[in-house]
Amino acid sequence: ERGAAALLSGADQGTTEAREAVEGVDAYRVAATFPAERVAT
């Protein structure tokens, strides 16, 4: 209700920038803006 899942569901203006490895995991890098009320939790 207030953690990472809520933060991601509130993301706005998401743009996929690249595909790269993070800690050995193949991942998409996505830039976005996160609402203040979601981050503040």
Full PDB file with SEQRES, HELIX, SHEET, SSBOND, CRYST1, ORIGX, SCALE, CONECT and MASTER records, all heavy atoms in Angstrom:
SEQRES   1 A   41  GLU ARG GLY ALA ALA ALA LEU LEU SER GLY ALA ASP GLN          
SEQRES   2 A   41  GLY THR THR GLU ALA ARG GLU ALA VAL GLU GLY VAL ASP          
SEQRES   3 A   41  ALA TYR ARG VAL ALA ALA THR PHE PRO ALA GLU ARG VAL          
SEQRES   4 A   41  ALA THR                                                      
HELIX    1 AA1 ALA A    4  SER A    9  1                                   6    
HELIX    2 AA2 ALA A   36  ALA A   40  1                                   5    
SHEET    1 AA1 2 ASP A  12  VAL A  22  0                                        
SHEET    2 AA1 2 VAL A  25  THR A  33 -1                                        
CRYST1    1.000    1.000    1.000  90.00  90.00  90.00 P 1           1          
ORIGX1      1.000000  0.000000  0.000000        0.00000                         
ORIGX2      0.000000  1.000000  0.000000        0.00000                         
ORIGX3      0.000000  0.000000  1.000000        0.00000                         
SCALE1      1.000000  0.000000  0.000000        0.00000                         
SCALE2      0.000000  1.000000  0.000000        0.00000                         
SCALE3      0.000000  0.000000  1.000000        0.00000                         
ATOM      1  N   GLU A   1       0.805  -1.224   0.000  1.00  0.00           N  
ATOM      2  CA  GLU A   1       0.000   0.000   0.000  1.00  0.00           C  
ATOM      3  C   GLU A   1       0.841   1.278   0.000  1.00  0.00           C  
ATOM      4  O   GLU A   1       0.366   2.336  -0.392  1.00  0.00           O  
ATOM      5  CB  GLU A   1      -0.933   0.020   1.215  1.00  0.00           C  
ATOM      6  CG  GLU A   1      -1.914  -1.131   1.240  1.00  0.00           C  
ATOM      7  CD  GLU A   1      -2.857  -1.116   0.052  1.00  0.00           C  
ATOM      8  OE1 GLU A   1      -3.325  -0.034  -0.341  1.00  0.00           O  
ATOM      9  OE2 GLU A   1      -3.108  -2.200  -0.495  1.00  0.00           O  
ATOM     10  N   ARG A   2       2.091   1.201   0.473  1.00  0.00           N  
ATOM     11  CA  ARG A   2       2.901   2.416   0.557  1.00  0.00           C  
ATOM     12  C   ARG A   2       4.364   2.215   0.188  1.00  0.00           C  
ATOM     13  O   ARG A   2       5.157   3.153   0.226  1.00  0.00           O  
ATOM     14  CB  ARG A   2       2.803   3.023   1.954  1.00  0.00           C  
ATOM     15  CG  ARG A   2       3.318   2.109   3.045  1.00  0.00           C  
ATOM     16  CD  ARG A   2       3.045   2.676   4.435  1.00  0.00           C  
ATOM     17  NE  ARG A   2       3.591   1.784   5.437  1.00  0.00           N  
ATOM     18  CZ  ARG A   2       4.539   2.113   6.284  1.00  0.00           C  
ATOM     19  NH1 ARG A   2       5.029   3.329   6.294  1.00  0.00           N  
ATOM     20  NH2 ARG A   2       4.996   1.241   7.149  1.00  0.00           N  
ATOM     21  N   GLY A   3       4.739   1.032  -0.212  1.00  0.00           N  
ATOM     22  CA  GLY A   3       6.133   0.735  -0.512  1.00  0.00           C  
ATOM     23  C   GLY A   3       6.487   0.830  -1.980  1.00  0.00           C  
ATOM     24  O   GLY A   3       5.944   1.656  -2.724  1.00  0.00           O  
ATOM     25  N   ALA A   4       7.393  -0.036  -2.397  1.00  0.00           N  
ATOM     26  CA  ALA A   4       7.913  -0.003  -3.767  1.00  0.00           C  
ATOM     27  C   ALA A   4       6.813  -0.196  -4.805  1.00  0.00           C  
ATOM     28  O   ALA A   4       6.804   0.476  -5.839  1.00  0.00           O  
ATOM     29  CB  ALA A   4       8.997  -1.067  -3.940  1.00  0.00           C  
ATOM     30  N   ALA A   5       5.861  -1.083  -4.539  1.00  0.00           N  
ATOM     31  CA  ALA A   5       4.778  -1.321  -5.504  1.00  0.00           C  
ATOM     32  C   ALA A   5       3.941  -0.055  -5.697  1.00  0.00           C  
ATOM     33  O   ALA A   5       3.587   0.303  -6.826  1.00  0.00           O  
ATOM     34  CB  ALA A   5       3.894  -2.472  -5.034  1.00  0.00           C  
ATOM     35  N   ALA A   6       3.610   0.618  -4.606  1.00  0.00           N  
ATOM     36  CA  ALA A   6       2.825   1.858  -4.700  1.00  0.00           C  
ATOM     37  C   ALA A   6       3.626   2.951  -5.401  1.00  0.00           C  
ATOM     38  O   ALA A   6       3.084   3.714  -6.199  1.00  0.00           O  
ATOM     39  CB  ALA A   6       2.398   2.315  -3.309  1.00  0.00           C  
ATOM     40  N   LEU A   7       4.915   3.029  -5.112  1.00  0.00           N  
ATOM     41  CA  LEU A   7       5.772   4.021  -5.751  1.00  0.00           C  
ATOM     42  C   LEU A   7       5.777   3.814  -7.265  1.00  0.00           C  
ATOM     43  O   LEU A   7       5.566   4.758  -8.036  1.00  0.00           O  
ATOM     44  CB  LEU A   7       7.197   3.926  -5.202  1.00  0.00           C  
ATOM     45  CG  LEU A   7       8.199   4.921  -5.774  1.00  0.00           C  
ATOM     46  CD1 LEU A   7       7.868   6.336  -5.325  1.00  0.00           C  
ATOM     47  CD2 LEU A   7       9.609   4.553  -5.363  1.00  0.00           C  
ATOM     48  N   LEU A   8       5.972   2.572  -7.699  1.00  0.00           N  
ATOM     49  CA  LEU A   8       6.020   2.283  -9.133  1.00  0.00           C  
ATOM     50  C   LEU A   8       4.674   2.517  -9.812  1.00  0.00           C  
ATOM     51  O   LEU A   8       4.622   3.019 -10.934  1.00  0.00           O  
ATOM     52  CB  LEU A   8       6.477   0.846  -9.369  1.00  0.00           C  
ATOM     53  CG  LEU A   8       7.931   0.549  -9.007  1.00  0.00           C  
ATOM     54  CD1 LEU A   8       8.218  -0.936  -9.168  1.00  0.00           C  
ATOM     55  CD2 LEU A   8       8.893   1.372  -9.835  1.00  0.00           C  
ATOM     56  N   SER A   9       3.583   2.179  -9.137  1.00  0.00           N  
ATOM     57  CA  SER A   9       2.269   2.358  -9.761  1.00  0.00           C  
ATOM     58  C   SER A   9       1.909   3.829  -9.923  1.00  0.00           C  
ATOM     59  O   SER A   9       1.071   4.173 -10.753  1.00  0.00           O  
ATOM     60  CB  SER A   9       1.182   1.635  -8.961  1.00  0.00           C  
ATOM     61  OG  SER A   9       0.962   2.271  -7.725  1.00  0.00           O  
ATOM     62  N   GLY A  10       2.558   4.712  -9.173  1.00  0.00           N  
ATOM     63  CA  GLY A  10       2.301   6.145  -9.296  1.00  0.00           C  
ATOM     64  C   GLY A  10       3.237   6.866 -10.239  1.00  0.00           C  
ATOM     65  O   GLY A  10       3.106   8.065 -10.468  1.00  0.00           O  
ATOM     66  N   ALA A  11       4.195   6.140 -10.817  1.00  0.00           N  
ATOM     67  CA  ALA A  11       5.183   6.770 -11.708  1.00  0.00           C  
ATOM     68  C   ALA A  11       4.503   7.426 -12.905  1.00  0.00           C  
ATOM     69  O   ALA A  11       3.510   6.931 -13.426  1.00  0.00           O  
ATOM     70  CB  ALA A  11       6.195   5.733 -12.177  1.00  0.00           C  
ATOM     71  N   ASP A  12       5.054   8.545 -13.324  1.00  0.00           N  
ATOM     72  CA  ASP A  12       4.505   9.307 -14.437  1.00  0.00           C  
ATOM     73  C   ASP A  12       5.620   9.589 -15.435  1.00  0.00           C  
ATOM     74  O   ASP A  12       6.782   9.702 -15.063  1.00  0.00           O  
ATOM     75  CB  ASP A  12       3.924  10.622 -13.897  1.00  0.00           C  
ATOM     76  CG  ASP A  12       3.100  11.366 -14.929  1.00  0.00           C  
ATOM     77  OD1 ASP A  12       2.544  10.727 -15.839  1.00  0.00           O  
ATOM     78  OD2 ASP A  12       3.023  12.602 -14.822  1.00  0.00           O  
ATOM     79  N   GLN A  13       5.275   9.713 -16.678  1.00  0.00           N  
ATOM     80  CA  GLN A  13       6.210  10.068 -17.744  1.00  0.00           C  
ATOM     81  C   GLN A  13       7.367   9.076 -17.853  1.00  0.00           C  
ATOM     82  O   GLN A  13       8.506   9.452 -18.074  1.00  0.00           O  
ATOM     83  CB  GLN A  13       6.752  11.486 -17.538  1.00  0.00           C  
ATOM     84  CG  GLN A  13       5.675  12.540 -17.491  1.00  0.00           C  
ATOM     85  CD  GLN A  13       6.194  13.908 -17.097  1.00  0.00           C  
ATOM     86  OE1 GLN A  13       7.343  14.065 -16.712  1.00  0.00           O  
ATOM     87  NE2 GLN A  13       5.335  14.892 -17.185  1.00  0.00           N  
ATOM     88  N   GLY A  14       7.055   7.788 -17.694  1.00  0.00           N  
ATOM     89  CA  GLY A  14       8.088   6.758 -17.792  1.00  0.00           C  
ATOM     90  C   GLY A  14       8.606   6.604 -19.209  1.00  0.00           C  
ATOM     91  O   GLY A  14       7.837   6.585 -20.164  1.00  0.00           O  
ATOM     92  N   THR A  15       9.923   6.510 -19.324  1.00  0.00           N  
ATOM     93  CA  THR A  15      10.575   6.344 -20.617  1.00  0.00           C  
ATOM     94  C   THR A  15      11.653   5.279 -20.494  1.00  0.00           C  
ATOM     95  O   THR A  15      12.564   5.419 -19.671  1.00  0.00           O  
ATOM     96  CB  THR A  15      11.229   7.663 -21.071  1.00  0.00           C  
ATOM     97  OG1 THR A  15      10.252   8.682 -21.103  1.00  0.00           O  
ATOM     98  CG2 THR A  15      11.855   7.516 -22.435  1.00  0.00           C  
ATOM     99  N   THR A  16      11.550   4.234 -21.293  1.00  0.00           N  
ATOM    100  CA  THR A  16      12.591   3.210 -21.294  1.00  0.00           C  
ATOM    101  C   THR A  16      13.819   3.780 -21.989  1.00  0.00           C  
ATOM    102  O   THR A  16      13.742   4.227 -23.123  1.00  0.00           O  
ATOM    103  CB  THR A  16      12.114   1.933 -22.007  1.00  0.00           C  
ATOM    104  OG1 THR A  16      10.931   1.468 -21.360  1.00  0.00           O  
ATOM    105  CG2 THR A  16      13.183   0.854 -21.972  1.00  0.00           C  
ATOM    106  N   GLU A  17      14.934   3.762 -21.274  1.00  0.00           N  
ATOM    107  CA  GLU A  17      16.166   4.363 -21.788  1.00  0.00           C  
ATOM    108  C   GLU A  17      17.149   3.337 -22.353  1.00  0.00           C  
ATOM    109  O   GLU A  17      17.896   3.640 -23.272  1.00  0.00           O  
ATOM    110  CB  GLU A  17      16.869   5.152 -20.678  1.00  0.00           C  
ATOM    111  CG  GLU A  17      16.073   6.305 -20.156  1.00  0.00           C  
ATOM    112  CD  GLU A  17      16.798   7.068 -19.069  1.00  0.00           C  
ATOM    113  OE1 GLU A  17      17.580   6.461 -18.301  1.00  0.00           O  
ATOM    114  OE2 GLU A  17      16.584   8.284 -18.970  1.00  0.00           O  
ATOM    115  N   ALA A  18      17.185   2.144 -21.742  1.00  0.00           N  
ATOM    116  CA  ALA A  18      18.182   1.156 -22.160  1.00  0.00           C  
ATOM    117  C   ALA A  18      17.833  -0.207 -21.585  1.00  0.00           C  
ATOM    118  O   ALA A  18      16.937  -0.328 -20.751  1.00  0.00           O  
ATOM    119  CB  ALA A  18      19.573   1.570 -21.686  1.00  0.00           C  
ATOM    120  N   ARG A  19      18.586  -1.190 -22.034  1.00  0.00           N  
ATOM    121  CA  ARG A  19      18.524  -2.528 -21.455  1.00  0.00           C  
ATOM    122  C   ARG A  19      19.947  -2.829 -21.017  1.00  0.00           C  
ATOM    123  O   ARG A  19      20.880  -2.744 -21.830  1.00  0.00           O  
ATOM    124  CB  ARG A  19      18.025  -3.525 -22.497  1.00  0.00           C  
ATOM    125  CG  ARG A  19      17.777  -4.897 -21.940  1.00  0.00           C  
ATOM    126  CD  ARG A  19      17.024  -5.745 -22.951  1.00  0.00           C  
ATOM    127  NE  ARG A  19      16.790  -7.067 -22.400  1.00  0.00           N  
ATOM    128  CZ  ARG A  19      15.914  -7.917 -22.903  1.00  0.00           C  
ATOM    129  NH1 ARG A  19      15.216  -7.584 -23.974  1.00  0.00           N  
ATOM    130  NH2 ARG A  19      15.747  -9.098 -22.356  1.00  0.00           N  
ATOM    131  N   GLU A  20      20.119  -3.170 -19.742  1.00  0.00           N  
ATOM    132  CA  GLU A  20      21.468  -3.388 -19.218  1.00  0.00           C  
ATOM    133  C   GLU A  20      21.429  -4.346 -18.032  1.00  0.00           C  
ATOM    134  O   GLU A  20      20.358  -4.610 -17.485  1.00  0.00           O  
ATOM    135  CB  GLU A  20      22.112  -2.058 -18.812  1.00  0.00           C  
ATOM    136  CG  GLU A  20      21.316  -1.260 -17.803  1.00  0.00           C  
ATOM    137  CD  GLU A  20      21.778   0.179 -17.674  1.00  0.00           C  
ATOM    138  OE1 GLU A  20      22.375   0.720 -18.616  1.00  0.00           O  
ATOM    139  OE2 GLU A  20      21.539   0.767 -16.616  1.00  0.00           O  
ATOM    140  N   ALA A  21      22.595  -4.836 -17.641  1.00  0.00           N  
ATOM    141  CA  ALA A  21      22.696  -5.754 -16.510  1.00  0.00           C  
ATOM    142  C   ALA A  21      22.868  -4.969 -15.214  1.00  0.00           C  
ATOM    143  O   ALA A  21      23.643  -4.020 -15.152  1.00  0.00           O  
ATOM    144  CB  ALA A  21      23.868  -6.697 -16.701  1.00  0.00           C  
ATOM    145  N   VAL A  22      22.118  -5.379 -14.205  1.00  0.00           N  
ATOM    146  CA  VAL A  22      22.240  -4.807 -12.862  1.00  0.00           C  
ATOM    147  C   VAL A  22      22.392  -5.967 -11.891  1.00  0.00           C  
ATOM    148  O   VAL A  22      21.494  -6.801 -11.774  1.00  0.00           O  
ATOM    149  CB  VAL A  22      20.995  -3.966 -12.488  1.00  0.00           C  
ATOM    150  CG1 VAL A  22      21.106  -3.456 -11.064  1.00  0.00           C  
ATOM    151  CG2 VAL A  22      20.795  -2.826 -13.454  1.00  0.00           C  
ATOM    152  N   GLU A  23      23.533  -6.044 -11.233  1.00  0.00           N  
ATOM    153  CA  GLU A  23      23.800  -7.135 -10.291  1.00  0.00           C  
ATOM    154  C   GLU A  23      23.573  -8.493 -10.963  1.00  0.00           C  
ATOM    155  O   GLU A  23      23.015  -9.407 -10.363  1.00  0.00           O  
ATOM    156  CB  GLU A  23      22.917  -6.995  -9.047  1.00  0.00           C  
ATOM    157  CG  GLU A  23      23.064  -5.692  -8.296  1.00  0.00           C  
ATOM    158  CD  GLU A  23      24.398  -5.559  -7.580  1.00  0.00           C  
ATOM    159  OE1 GLU A  23      24.838  -6.548  -6.965  1.00  0.00           O  
ATOM    160  OE2 GLU A  23      24.987  -4.466  -7.636  1.00  0.00           O  
ATOM    161  N   GLY A  24      23.953  -8.596 -12.240  1.00  0.00           N  
ATOM    162  CA  GLY A  24      23.825  -9.850 -12.971  1.00  0.00           C  
ATOM    163  C   GLY A  24      22.437 -10.139 -13.523  1.00  0.00           C  
ATOM    164  O   GLY A  24      22.185 -11.209 -14.059  1.00  0.00           O  
ATOM    165  N   VAL A  25      21.513  -9.183 -13.408  1.00  0.00           N  
ATOM    166  CA  VAL A  25      20.146  -9.359 -13.893  1.00  0.00           C  
ATOM    167  C   VAL A  25      19.941  -8.497 -15.130  1.00  0.00           C  
ATOM    168  O   VAL A  25      20.258  -7.307 -15.122  1.00  0.00           O  
ATOM    169  CB  VAL A  25      19.129  -8.945 -12.796  1.00  0.00           C  
ATOM    170  CG1 VAL A  25      17.706  -9.004 -13.317  1.00  0.00           C  
ATOM    171  CG2 VAL A  25      19.295  -9.811 -11.557  1.00  0.00           C  
ATOM    172  N   ASP A  26      19.413  -9.101 -16.201  1.00  0.00           N  
ATOM    173  CA  ASP A  26      19.079  -8.364 -17.416  1.00  0.00           C  
ATOM    174  C   ASP A  26      17.872  -7.482 -17.110  1.00  0.00           C  
ATOM    175  O   ASP A  26      16.819  -7.989 -16.708  1.00  0.00           O  
ATOM    176  CB  ASP A  26      18.768  -9.351 -18.544  1.00  0.00           C  
ATOM    177  CG  ASP A  26      18.472  -8.670 -19.860  1.00  0.00           C  
ATOM    178  OD1 ASP A  26      19.035  -7.589 -20.130  1.00  0.00           O  
ATOM    179  OD2 ASP A  26      17.666  -9.221 -20.633  1.00  0.00           O  
ATOM    180  N   ALA A  27      18.024  -6.164 -17.256  1.00  0.00           N  
ATOM    181  CA  ALA A  27      16.967  -5.247 -16.818  1.00  0.00           C  
ATOM    182  C   ALA A  27      16.771  -4.094 -17.785  1.00  0.00           C  
ATOM    183  O   ALA A  27      17.675  -3.720 -18.530  1.00  0.00           O  
ATOM    184  CB  ALA A  27      17.316  -4.693 -15.437  1.00  0.00           C  
ATOM    185  N   TYR A  28      15.550  -3.539 -17.755  1.00  0.00           N  
ATOM    186  CA  TYR A  28      15.236  -2.313 -18.488  1.00  0.00           C  
ATOM    187  C   TYR A  28      15.446  -1.131 -17.546  1.00  0.00           C  
ATOM    188  O   TYR A  28      14.971  -1.151 -16.411  1.00  0.00           O  
ATOM    189  CB  TYR A  28      13.782  -2.312 -18.952  1.00  0.00           C  
ATOM    190  CG  TYR A  28      13.481  -3.360 -19.983  1.00  0.00           C  
ATOM    191  CD1 TYR A  28      12.747  -4.485 -19.659  1.00  0.00           C  
ATOM    192  CD2 TYR A  28      13.930  -3.211 -21.295  1.00  0.00           C  
ATOM    193  CE1 TYR A  28      12.461  -5.451 -20.608  1.00  0.00           C  
ATOM    194  CE2 TYR A  28      13.650  -4.178 -22.250  1.00  0.00           C  
ATOM    195  CZ  TYR A  28      12.919  -5.295 -21.896  1.00  0.00           C  
ATOM    196  OH  TYR A  28      12.646  -6.250 -22.846  1.00  0.00           O  
ATOM    197  N   ARG A  29      16.143  -0.107 -18.026  1.00  0.00           N  
ATOM    198  CA  ARG A  29      16.321   1.137 -17.261  1.00  0.00           C  
ATOM    199  C   ARG A  29      15.222   2.100 -17.708  1.00  0.00           C  
ATOM    200  O   ARG A  29      15.112   2.427 -18.888  1.00  0.00           O  
ATOM    201  CB  ARG A  29      17.698   1.740 -17.514  1.00  0.00           C  
ATOM    202  CG  ARG A  29      17.938   3.001 -16.680  1.00  0.00           C  
ATOM    203  CD  ARG A  29      19.315   3.573 -16.906  1.00  0.00           C  
ATOM    204  NE  ARG A  29      19.359   4.192 -18.226  1.00  0.00           N  
ATOM    205  CZ  ARG A  29      20.430   4.220 -19.001  1.00  0.00           C  
ATOM    206  NH1 ARG A  29      21.559   3.658 -18.631  1.00  0.00           N  
ATOM    207  NH2 ARG A  29      20.389   4.815 -20.173  1.00  0.00           N  
ATOM    208  N   VAL A  30      14.405   2.535 -16.745  1.00  0.00           N  
ATOM    209  CA  VAL A  30      13.259   3.391 -17.042  1.00  0.00           C  
ATOM    210  C   VAL A  30      13.349   4.661 -16.191  1.00  0.00           C  
ATOM    211  O   VAL A  30      13.401   4.596 -14.967  1.00  0.00           O  
ATOM    212  CB  VAL A  30      11.926   2.666 -16.738  1.00  0.00           C  
ATOM    213  CG1 VAL A  30      10.743   3.563 -17.046  1.00  0.00           C  
ATOM    214  CG2 VAL A  30      11.839   1.361 -17.516  1.00  0.00           C  
ATOM    215  N   ALA A  31      13.367   5.812 -16.858  1.00  0.00           N  
ATOM    216  CA  ALA A  31      13.340   7.104 -16.152  1.00  0.00           C  
ATOM    217  C   ALA A  31      11.886   7.504 -15.975  1.00  0.00           C  
ATOM    218  O   ALA A  31      11.049   7.269 -16.855  1.00  0.00           O  
ATOM    219  CB  ALA A  31      14.083   8.162 -16.963  1.00  0.00           C  
ATOM    220  N   ALA A  32      11.572   8.101 -14.830  1.00  0.00           N  
ATOM    221  CA  ALA A  32      10.191   8.507 -14.550  1.00  0.00           C  
ATOM    222  C   ALA A  32      10.187   9.597 -13.491  1.00  0.00           C  
ATOM    223  O   ALA A  32      11.210   9.905 -12.877  1.00  0.00           O  
ATOM    224  CB  ALA A  32       9.369   7.309 -14.077  1.00  0.00           C  
ATOM    225  N   THR A  33       9.010  10.158 -13.282  1.00  0.00           N  
ATOM    226  CA  THR A  33       8.787  11.114 -12.199  1.00  0.00           C  
ATOM    227  C   THR A  33       7.840  10.449 -11.207  1.00  0.00           C  
ATOM    228  O   THR A  33       6.850   9.834 -11.610  1.00  0.00           O  
ATOM    229  CB  THR A  33       8.162  12.416 -12.738  1.00  0.00           C  
ATOM    230  OG1 THR A  33       9.052  12.963 -13.717  1.00  0.00           O  
ATOM    231  CG2 THR A  33       7.945  13.423 -11.631  1.00  0.00           C  
ATOM    232  N   PHE A  34       8.149  10.566  -9.929  1.00  0.00           N  
ATOM    233  CA  PHE A  34       7.367   9.916  -8.887  1.00  0.00           C  
ATOM    234  C   PHE A  34       6.656  10.965  -8.040  1.00  0.00           C  
ATOM    235  O   PHE A  34       7.268  11.951  -7.623  1.00  0.00           O  
ATOM    236  CB  PHE A  34       8.280   9.039  -8.026  1.00  0.00           C  
ATOM    237  CG  PHE A  34       8.950   7.960  -8.831  1.00  0.00           C  
ATOM    238  CD1 PHE A  34      10.196   8.189  -9.404  1.00  0.00           C  
ATOM    239  CD2 PHE A  34       8.328   6.763  -9.060  1.00  0.00           C  
ATOM    240  CE1 PHE A  34      10.803   7.211 -10.185  1.00  0.00           C  
ATOM    241  CE2 PHE A  34       8.927   5.776  -9.839  1.00  0.00           C  
ATOM    242  CZ  PHE A  34      10.159   6.007 -10.402  1.00  0.00           C  
ATOM    243  N   PRO A  35       5.352  10.770  -7.767  1.00  0.00           N  
ATOM    244  CA  PRO A  35       4.575  11.756  -7.022  1.00  0.00           C  
ATOM    245  C   PRO A  35       5.090  11.925  -5.593  1.00  0.00           C  
ATOM    246  O   PRO A  35       5.475  10.954  -4.936  1.00  0.00           O  
ATOM    247  CB  PRO A  35       3.156  11.187  -7.005  1.00  0.00           C  
ATOM    248  CG  PRO A  35       3.152  10.000  -7.871  1.00  0.00           C  
ATOM    249  CD  PRO A  35       4.566   9.618  -8.153  1.00  0.00           C  
ATOM    250  N   ALA A  36       5.071  13.153  -5.125  1.00  0.00           N  
ATOM    251  CA  ALA A  36       5.566  13.475  -3.785  1.00  0.00           C  
ATOM    252  C   ALA A  36       4.894  12.640  -2.711  1.00  0.00           C  
ATOM    253  O   ALA A  36       5.555  12.137  -1.799  1.00  0.00           O  
ATOM    254  CB  ALA A  36       5.369  14.964  -3.500  1.00  0.00           C  
ATOM    255  N   GLU A  37       3.566  12.466  -2.808  1.00  0.00           N  
ATOM    256  CA  GLU A  37       2.867  11.732  -1.754  1.00  0.00           C  
ATOM    257  C   GLU A  37       3.283  10.266  -1.691  1.00  0.00           C  
ATOM    258  O   GLU A  37       3.294   9.669  -0.613  1.00  0.00           O  
ATOM    259  CB  GLU A  37       1.346  11.865  -1.895  1.00  0.00           C  
ATOM    260  CG  GLU A  37       0.765  11.322  -3.172  1.00  0.00           C  
ATOM    261  CD  GLU A  37       0.776  12.292  -4.340  1.00  0.00           C  
ATOM    262  OE1 GLU A  37       1.294  13.424  -4.223  1.00  0.00           O  
ATOM    263  OE2 GLU A  37       0.264  11.919  -5.405  1.00  0.00           O  
ATOM    264  N   ARG A  38       3.677   9.680  -2.815  1.00  0.00           N  
ATOM    265  CA  ARG A  38       4.148   8.281  -2.817  1.00  0.00           C  
ATOM    266  C   ARG A  38       5.563   8.188  -2.253  1.00  0.00           C  
ATOM    267  O   ARG A  38       5.884   7.282  -1.499  1.00  0.00           O  
ATOM    268  CB  ARG A  38       4.107   7.697  -4.223  1.00  0.00           C  
ATOM    269  CG  ARG A  38       2.740   7.676  -4.868  1.00  0.00           C  
ATOM    270  CD  ARG A  38       1.911   6.477  -4.413  1.00  0.00           C  
ATOM    271  NE  ARG A  38       0.574   6.523  -4.936  1.00  0.00           N  
ATOM    272  CZ  ARG A  38       0.108   5.718  -5.874  1.00  0.00           C  
ATOM    273  NH1 ARG A  38       0.885   4.799  -6.407  1.00  0.00           N  
ATOM    274  NH2 ARG A  38      -1.142   5.820  -6.270  1.00  0.00           N  
ATOM    275  N   VAL A  39       6.415   9.141  -2.625  1.00  0.00           N  
ATOM    276  CA  VAL A  39       7.794   9.134  -2.124  1.00  0.00           C  
ATOM    277  C   VAL A  39       7.805   9.442  -0.629  1.00  0.00           C  
ATOM    278  O   VAL A  39       8.559   8.835   0.138  1.00  0.00           O  
ATOM    279  CB  VAL A  39       8.667  10.150  -2.894  1.00  0.00           C  
ATOM    280  CG1 VAL A  39      10.085  10.181  -2.325  1.00  0.00           C  
ATOM    281  CG2 VAL A  39       8.700   9.811  -4.379  1.00  0.00           C  
ATOM    282  N   ALA A  40       6.939  10.348  -0.184  1.00  0.00           N  
ATOM    283  CA  ALA A  40       6.913  10.771   1.227  1.00  0.00           C  
ATOM    284  C   ALA A  40       6.557   9.629   2.175  1.00  0.00           C  
ATOM    285  O   ALA A  40       6.928   9.678   3.353  1.00  0.00           O  
ATOM    286  CB  ALA A  40       5.944  11.929   1.410  1.00  0.00           C  
ATOM    287  N   THR A  41       5.876   8.600   1.700  1.00  0.00           N  
ATOM    288  CA  THR A  41       5.588   7.465   2.581  1.00  0.00           C  
ATOM    289  C   THR A  41       6.855   6.680   2.910  1.00  0.00           C  
ATOM    290  O   THR A  41       6.916   6.001   3.919  1.00  0.00           O  
ATOM    291  CB  THR A  41       4.541   6.510   1.972  1.00  0.00           C  
ATOM    292  OG1 THR A  41       5.050   5.952   0.773  1.00  0.00           O  
ATOM    293  CG2 THR A  41       3.226   7.219   1.722  1.00  0.00           C  
TER     294      THR A  41                                                      
MASTER        0    0    0    2    2    0    0    6  293    1    0    4          
END                                                                             
